[in-house]
Amino acid sequence: MNHFSLEGEHVKVDYSNPALPPVARNFMPDVYKDGPEYFCVFGAGCDGVILGTGDTIEQAINAWEEAYHRKLG
């Protein structure tokens, strides 16, 4: 698993954009940039966090949505 610091660059995301997945628009997870990778995260703790990563903001958000659906069934 990748490790990153929430001290990294927080990226502002326009969650009113209708092109984003509906679940992401609803929960508005935080997006961070750590080196070349983006991390989209919501929740806390080992069991409660939902995380998506990608080379772009969009990839990270889409990966986050997939992780959300896997976690919640």
Protein backbone atom coordinates (compact mmCIF):
# COMPACT_ATOMS: atom_id res chain seq x y z
CA MET A 1 0.00 0.00 0.00
CA ASN A 2 1.16 3.53 -0.71
CA HIS A 3 1.89 5.83 2.17
CA PHE A 4 1.41 9.55 2.04
CA SER A 5 1.30 12.48 4.38
CA LEU A 6 -1.71 14.67 4.88
CA GLU A 7 0.89 17.41 5.24
CA GLY A 8 1.23 17.24 1.45
CA GLU A 9 -0.45 19.59 -0.98
CA HIS A 10 -4.22 19.72 -0.47
CA VAL A 11 -5.90 20.02 -3.87
CA LYS A 12 -9.11 21.98 -4.29
CA VAL A 13 -11.76 20.10 -6.24
CA ASP A 14 -14.91 21.63 -7.74
CA TYR A 15 -17.45 19.06 -6.56
CA SER A 16 -20.25 20.88 -8.37
CA ASN A 17 -18.82 19.52 -11.64
CA PRO A 18 -21.48 17.10 -13.01
CA ALA A 19 -18.74 15.06 -14.74
CA LEU A 20 -17.56 13.77 -11.35
CA PRO A 21 -19.08 10.59 -9.92
CA PRO A 22 -22.27 11.26 -7.90
CA VAL A 23 -20.94 9.59 -4.75
CA ALA A 24 -17.84 11.80 -4.82
CA ARG A 25 -19.98 14.91 -5.37
CA ASN A 26 -22.07 13.90 -2.34
CA PHE A 27 -19.24 13.05 0.11
CA MET A 28 -16.59 15.48 -1.26
CA PRO A 29 -13.51 13.48 -0.19
CA ASP A 30 -10.22 15.30 0.31
CA VAL A 31 -7.64 15.13 -2.47
CA TYR A 32 -3.90 15.44 -1.83
CA LYS A 33 -0.89 15.45 -4.12
CA ASP A 34 2.18 13.62 -2.87
CA GLY A 35 4.97 13.60 -5.43
CA PRO A 36 3.58 12.48 -8.78
CA GLU A 37 0.55 10.74 -7.24
CA TYR A 38 -2.88 11.97 -6.14
CA PHE A 39 -4.71 10.52 -3.14
CA CYS A 40 -8.43 10.84 -2.60
CA VAL A 41 -9.42 10.05 0.99
CA PHE A 42 -12.53 10.08 3.16
CA GLY A 43 -12.92 8.81 6.71
CA ALA A 44 -10.42 7.93 9.39
CA GLY A 45 -8.81 4.92 10.98
CA CYS A 46 -7.83 1.64 9.42
CA ASP A 47 -11.38 0.35 9.07
CA GLY A 48 -13.15 3.60 8.27
CA VAL A 49 -11.00 5.17 5.60
CA ILE A 50 -11.81 4.97 1.90
CA LEU A 51 -8.83 5.69 -0.34
CA GLY A 52 -8.30 6.03 -4.06
CA THR A 53 -5.05 6.85 -5.86
CA GLY A 54 -4.15 7.86 -9.36
CA ASP A 55 -1.83 9.78 -11.64
CA THR A 56 -4.46 12.50 -12.04
CA ILE A 57 -7.13 14.01 -9.81
CA GLU A 58 -9.83 12.34 -11.90
CA GLN A 59 -8.18 8.92 -11.66
CA ALA A 60 -7.88 9.26 -7.88
CA ILE A 61 -11.53 10.28 -7.52
CA ASN A 62 -12.70 7.44 -9.77
CA ALA A 63 -10.55 4.96 -7.81
CA TRP A 64 -12.03 6.37 -4.60
CA GLU A 65 -15.56 5.81 -5.90
CA GLU A 66 -14.73 2.21 -6.82
CA ALA A 67 -13.27 1.66 -3.32
CA TYR A 68 -16.41 3.21 -1.82
CA HIS A 69 -18.67 0.74 -3.67
CA ARG A 70 -16.43 -2.23 -2.78
CA LYS A 71 -16.41 -1.27 0.89
CA LEU A 72 -20.15 -0.71 1.16
CA GLY A 73 -21.19 -3.46 -1.23
